[in-house]
Amino acid sequence: MRFYFHEHAETEFDRVVEYYEDCQRGLGIEFAQEVNAAIARIIQHPEAWSPMSKNTRRCLVNRFPFGVIYQFKSDYILIIAVADLRRRPGYWLYRV
């Protein structure tokens, strides 16, 4: 199954990778690996994660306070947000 990032989700992801890399060399790569692992889990079991709304779910990222917000379509996954869980809840809702 394929996955796609919403334009804003991809920008968000890139910024967080850069932020963690600026904090400590290699940490941005580790964050990216954990997000990719979460996406792999989503692809394997797209309906297994916590519902956020009727069509939107969230899979938590290991080691970092982030969640991958996504929608499961018939033949692909749409990543709506790589959401900082400490941030205002639902800030990504306009993307759906």
N, C-alpha and C. Protein backbone atom coordinates (compact mmCIF):
# COMPACT_ATOMS: atom_id res chain seq x y z
N MET A 1 0.84 -1.18 0.00
CA MET A 1 0.00 0.00 0.00
C MET A 1 0.89 1.25 0.00
N ARG A 2 0.47 2.23 -0.70
CA ARG A 2 1.22 3.49 -0.79
C ARG A 2 0.73 4.47 0.28
N PHE A 3 1.59 5.45 0.56
CA PHE A 3 1.18 6.53 1.43
C PHE A 3 1.64 7.85 0.82
N TYR A 4 0.92 8.89 1.15
CA TYR A 4 1.22 10.23 0.66
C TYR A 4 1.11 11.20 1.81
N PHE A 5 1.95 12.22 1.79
CA PHE A 5 1.88 13.29 2.78
C PHE A 5 1.03 14.42 2.25
N HIS A 6 0.15 14.94 3.08
CA HIS A 6 -0.48 16.23 2.80
C HIS A 6 0.68 17.23 2.72
N GLU A 7 0.56 18.21 1.86
CA GLU A 7 1.63 19.19 1.65
C GLU A 7 2.12 19.79 2.97
N HIS A 8 1.21 20.19 3.83
CA HIS A 8 1.59 20.80 5.10
C HIS A 8 2.21 19.79 6.07
N ALA A 9 1.77 18.54 5.98
CA ALA A 9 2.34 17.49 6.83
C ALA A 9 3.79 17.22 6.46
N GLU A 10 4.09 17.24 5.17
CA GLU A 10 5.46 17.02 4.73
C GLU A 10 6.38 18.15 5.18
N THR A 11 5.91 19.38 5.07
CA THR A 11 6.68 20.54 5.54
C THR A 11 6.89 20.45 7.04
N GLU A 12 5.84 20.09 7.75
CA GLU A 12 5.90 19.94 9.21
C GLU A 12 6.95 18.89 9.60
N PHE A 13 6.91 17.75 8.92
CA PHE A 13 7.86 16.67 9.17
C PHE A 13 9.29 17.14 8.93
N ASP A 14 9.53 17.79 7.81
CA ASP A 14 10.88 18.28 7.48
C ASP A 14 11.39 19.27 8.52
N ARG A 15 10.52 20.14 8.99
CA ARG A 15 10.93 21.14 10.00
C ARG A 15 11.30 20.48 11.32
N VAL A 16 10.54 19.46 11.71
CA VAL A 16 10.84 18.78 12.97
C VAL A 16 12.16 18.01 12.86
N VAL A 17 12.40 17.38 11.72
CA VAL A 17 13.68 16.70 11.51
C VAL A 17 14.82 17.71 11.65
N GLU A 18 14.70 18.85 11.02
CA GLU A 18 15.73 19.90 11.10
C GLU A 18 15.90 20.38 12.54
N TYR A 19 14.80 20.58 13.25
CA TYR A 19 14.85 21.04 14.64
C TYR A 19 15.65 20.05 15.50
N TYR A 20 15.29 18.77 15.42
CA TYR A 20 15.98 17.77 16.23
C TYR A 20 17.44 17.63 15.82
N GLU A 21 17.73 17.78 14.55
CA GLU A 21 19.11 17.69 14.08
C GLU A 21 19.92 18.87 14.61
N ASP A 22 19.30 20.05 14.70
CA ASP A 22 19.96 21.23 15.28
C ASP A 22 20.21 21.05 16.77
N CYS A 23 19.29 20.34 17.44
CA CYS A 23 19.45 20.10 18.88
C CYS A 23 20.61 19.16 19.16
N GLN A 24 20.71 18.12 18.36
CA GLN A 24 21.77 17.12 18.55
C GLN A 24 21.99 16.38 17.23
N ARG A 25 23.22 16.33 16.82
CA ARG A 25 23.54 15.66 15.55
C ARG A 25 23.06 14.20 15.59
N GLY A 26 22.33 13.81 14.56
CA GLY A 26 21.82 12.45 14.46
C GLY A 26 20.42 12.27 15.02
N LEU A 27 19.97 13.21 15.87
CA LEU A 27 18.65 13.08 16.48
C LEU A 27 17.54 13.27 15.45
N GLY A 28 17.76 14.13 14.48
CA GLY A 28 16.77 14.33 13.42
C GLY A 28 16.58 13.06 12.60
N ILE A 29 17.68 12.36 12.33
CA ILE A 29 17.61 11.10 11.60
C ILE A 29 16.85 10.06 12.43
N GLU A 30 17.11 10.02 13.73
CA GLU A 30 16.40 9.08 14.61
C GLU A 30 14.90 9.38 14.63
N PHE A 31 14.56 10.67 14.66
CA PHE A 31 13.14 11.05 14.62
C PHE A 31 12.51 10.57 13.31
N ALA A 32 13.19 10.82 12.19
CA ALA A 32 12.67 10.40 10.88
C ALA A 32 12.49 8.88 10.83
N GLN A 33 13.42 8.14 11.41
CA GLN A 33 13.30 6.68 11.43
C GLN A 33 12.09 6.24 12.24
N GLU A 34 11.84 6.89 13.37
CA GLU A 34 10.68 6.54 14.20
C GLU A 34 9.37 6.88 13.50
N VAL A 35 9.32 8.00 12.79
CA VAL A 35 8.11 8.35 12.04
C VAL A 35 7.90 7.34 10.92
N ASN A 36 8.97 6.97 10.22
CA ASN A 36 8.86 5.97 9.15
C ASN A 36 8.41 4.61 9.71
N ALA A 37 8.87 4.26 10.90
CA ALA A 37 8.43 3.01 11.53
C ALA A 37 6.94 3.08 11.87
N ALA A 38 6.47 4.24 12.33
CA ALA A 38 5.05 4.41 12.61
C ALA A 38 4.23 4.27 11.33
N ILE A 39 4.72 4.87 10.25
CA ILE A 39 4.02 4.76 8.97
C ILE A 39 3.98 3.31 8.50
N ALA A 40 5.08 2.57 8.71
CA ALA A 40 5.11 1.15 8.34
C ALA A 40 4.07 0.36 9.14
N ARG A 41 3.91 0.69 10.43
CA ARG A 41 2.89 0.03 11.25
C ARG A 41 1.49 0.36 10.74
N ILE A 42 1.30 1.61 10.36
CA ILE A 42 0.00 2.04 9.83
C ILE A 42 -0.32 1.25 8.55
N ILE A 43 0.64 1.13 7.67
CA ILE A 43 0.42 0.42 6.41
C ILE A 43 0.06 -1.05 6.68
N GLN A 44 0.71 -1.66 7.66
CA GLN A 44 0.41 -3.06 7.98
C GLN A 44 -0.98 -3.24 8.59
N HIS A 45 -1.37 -2.31 9.45
CA HIS A 45 -2.64 -2.42 10.17
C HIS A 45 -3.33 -1.06 10.21
N PRO A 46 -3.85 -0.58 9.09
CA PRO A 46 -4.38 0.79 9.02
C PRO A 46 -5.57 1.08 9.94
N GLU A 47 -6.29 0.08 10.35
CA GLU A 47 -7.46 0.33 11.20
C GLU A 47 -7.19 0.05 12.68
N ALA A 48 -5.95 -0.21 13.03
CA ALA A 48 -5.62 -0.60 14.39
C ALA A 48 -5.40 0.58 15.34
N TRP A 49 -5.28 1.76 14.84
CA TRP A 49 -4.87 2.90 15.69
C TRP A 49 -6.04 3.75 16.11
N SER A 50 -5.81 4.57 17.10
CA SER A 50 -6.86 5.36 17.75
C SER A 50 -7.60 6.29 16.80
N PRO A 51 -8.93 6.18 16.77
CA PRO A 51 -9.71 7.12 15.94
C PRO A 51 -9.68 8.52 16.54
N MET A 52 -9.51 9.51 15.68
CA MET A 52 -9.57 10.91 16.09
C MET A 52 -10.91 11.52 15.68
N SER A 53 -11.44 10.97 14.58
CA SER A 53 -12.75 11.34 14.07
C SER A 53 -13.25 10.16 13.24
N LYS A 54 -14.34 10.34 12.54
CA LYS A 54 -14.91 9.24 11.76
C LYS A 54 -13.91 8.67 10.75
N ASN A 55 -13.13 9.51 10.09
CA ASN A 55 -12.24 9.07 9.02
C ASN A 55 -10.76 9.27 9.32
N THR A 56 -10.43 9.73 10.50
CA THR A 56 -9.05 10.08 10.83
C THR A 56 -8.57 9.30 12.05
N ARG A 57 -7.34 8.82 11.99
CA ARG A 57 -6.76 8.05 13.09
C ARG A 57 -5.39 8.60 13.45
N ARG A 58 -4.88 8.14 14.61
CA ARG A 58 -3.56 8.59 15.08
C ARG A 58 -2.74 7.40 15.55
N CYS A 59 -1.51 7.33 15.07
CA CYS A 59 -0.54 6.34 15.52
C CYS A 59 0.58 7.10 16.22
N LEU A 60 0.88 6.72 17.45
CA LEU A 60 1.93 7.40 18.21
C LEU A 60 3.31 7.01 17.69
N VAL A 61 4.21 7.97 17.74
CA VAL A 61 5.60 7.76 17.35
C VAL A 61 6.38 7.37 18.61
N ASN A 62 7.18 6.33 18.53
CA ASN A 62 8.00 5.91 19.67
C ASN A 62 9.08 6.95 19.95
N ARG A 63 9.40 7.13 21.25
CA ARG A 63 10.51 7.95 21.73
C ARG A 63 10.32 9.45 21.61
N PHE A 64 9.35 9.92 20.86
CA PHE A 64 9.15 11.35 20.64
C PHE A 64 7.69 11.69 20.89
N PRO A 65 7.40 12.92 21.36
CA PRO A 65 6.01 13.29 21.67
C PRO A 65 5.23 13.70 20.42
N PHE A 66 5.13 12.79 19.46
CA PHE A 66 4.46 13.06 18.20
C PHE A 66 3.53 11.92 17.84
N GLY A 67 2.55 12.24 17.02
CA GLY A 67 1.64 11.24 16.48
C GLY A 67 1.50 11.46 14.98
N VAL A 68 1.31 10.39 14.25
CA VAL A 68 1.05 10.48 12.81
C VAL A 68 -0.47 10.43 12.65
N ILE A 69 -1.03 11.54 12.18
CA ILE A 69 -2.46 11.64 11.94
C ILE A 69 -2.69 11.27 10.48
N TYR A 70 -3.61 10.34 10.23
CA TYR A 70 -3.77 9.85 8.85
C TYR A 70 -5.21 9.47 8.56
N GLN A 71 -5.48 9.33 7.27
CA GLN A 71 -6.75 8.79 6.80
C GLN A 71 -6.45 7.57 5.95
N PHE A 72 -7.24 6.53 6.15
CA PHE A 72 -7.11 5.29 5.40
C PHE A 72 -8.10 5.34 4.24
N LYS A 73 -7.57 5.43 3.04
CA LYS A 73 -8.40 5.41 1.83
C LYS A 73 -8.42 3.98 1.30
N SER A 74 -9.17 3.72 0.27
CA SER A 74 -9.31 2.35 -0.22
C SER A 74 -7.98 1.74 -0.68
N ASP A 75 -7.09 2.54 -1.26
CA ASP A 75 -5.85 1.98 -1.78
C ASP A 75 -4.60 2.75 -1.38
N TYR A 76 -4.72 3.68 -0.43
CA TYR A 76 -3.56 4.42 0.04
C TYR A 76 -3.83 5.03 1.41
N ILE A 77 -2.76 5.50 2.03
CA ILE A 77 -2.82 6.20 3.32
C ILE A 77 -2.46 7.66 3.06
N LEU A 78 -3.24 8.58 3.59
CA LEU A 78 -2.93 10.01 3.49
C LEU A 78 -2.49 10.49 4.87
N ILE A 79 -1.24 10.92 4.96
CA ILE A 79 -0.71 11.47 6.21
C ILE A 79 -1.17 12.93 6.30
N ILE A 80 -2.02 13.22 7.26
CA ILE A 80 -2.58 14.56 7.44
C ILE A 80 -1.63 15.44 8.24
N ALA A 81 -0.96 14.86 9.25
CA ALA A 81 -0.07 15.64 10.11
C ALA A 81 0.93 14.73 10.80
N VAL A 82 2.10 15.28 11.05
CA VAL A 82 3.06 14.68 11.98
C VAL A 82 2.99 15.64 13.17
N ALA A 83 2.07 15.32 14.07
CA ALA A 83 1.60 16.27 15.08
C ALA A 83 2.38 16.19 16.38
N ASP A 84 2.83 17.35 16.82
CA ASP A 84 3.42 17.49 18.14
C ASP A 84 2.28 17.39 19.14
N LEU A 85 2.30 16.39 20.00
CA LEU A 85 1.19 16.14 20.92
C LEU A 85 1.10 17.17 22.03
N ARG A 86 2.13 18.01 22.15
CA ARG A 86 2.10 19.07 23.15
C ARG A 86 1.46 20.34 22.58
N ARG A 87 1.19 20.34 21.29
CA ARG A 87 0.64 21.49 20.60
C ARG A 87 -0.88 21.50 20.73
N ARG A 88 -1.49 22.59 20.38
CA ARG A 88 -2.94 22.74 20.42
C ARG A 88 -3.62 21.60 19.68
N PRO A 89 -4.48 20.83 20.35
CA PRO A 89 -5.17 19.71 19.70
C PRO A 89 -6.03 20.17 18.53
N GLY A 90 -6.03 19.40 17.49
CA GLY A 90 -6.90 19.67 16.36
C GLY A 90 -6.44 20.77 15.43
N TYR A 91 -5.21 21.27 15.59
CA TYR A 91 -4.72 22.34 14.72
C TYR A 91 -4.71 21.92 13.25
N TRP A 92 -4.69 20.63 13.01
CA TRP A 92 -4.58 20.07 11.65
C TRP A 92 -5.94 19.84 10.99
N LEU A 93 -7.02 20.07 11.70
CA LEU A 93 -8.36 19.74 11.20
C LEU A 93 -8.70 20.40 9.86
N TYR A 94 -8.17 21.59 9.60
CA TYR A 94 -8.48 22.25 8.33
C TYR A 94 -7.89 21.50 7.14
N ARG A 95 -6.99 20.55 7.38
CA ARG A 95 -6.36 19.79 6.29
C ARG A 95 -7.23 18.66 5.77
N VAL A 96 -8.25 18.27 6.51
CA VAL A 96 -9.10 17.16 6.07
C VAL A 96 -10.26 17.61 5.22
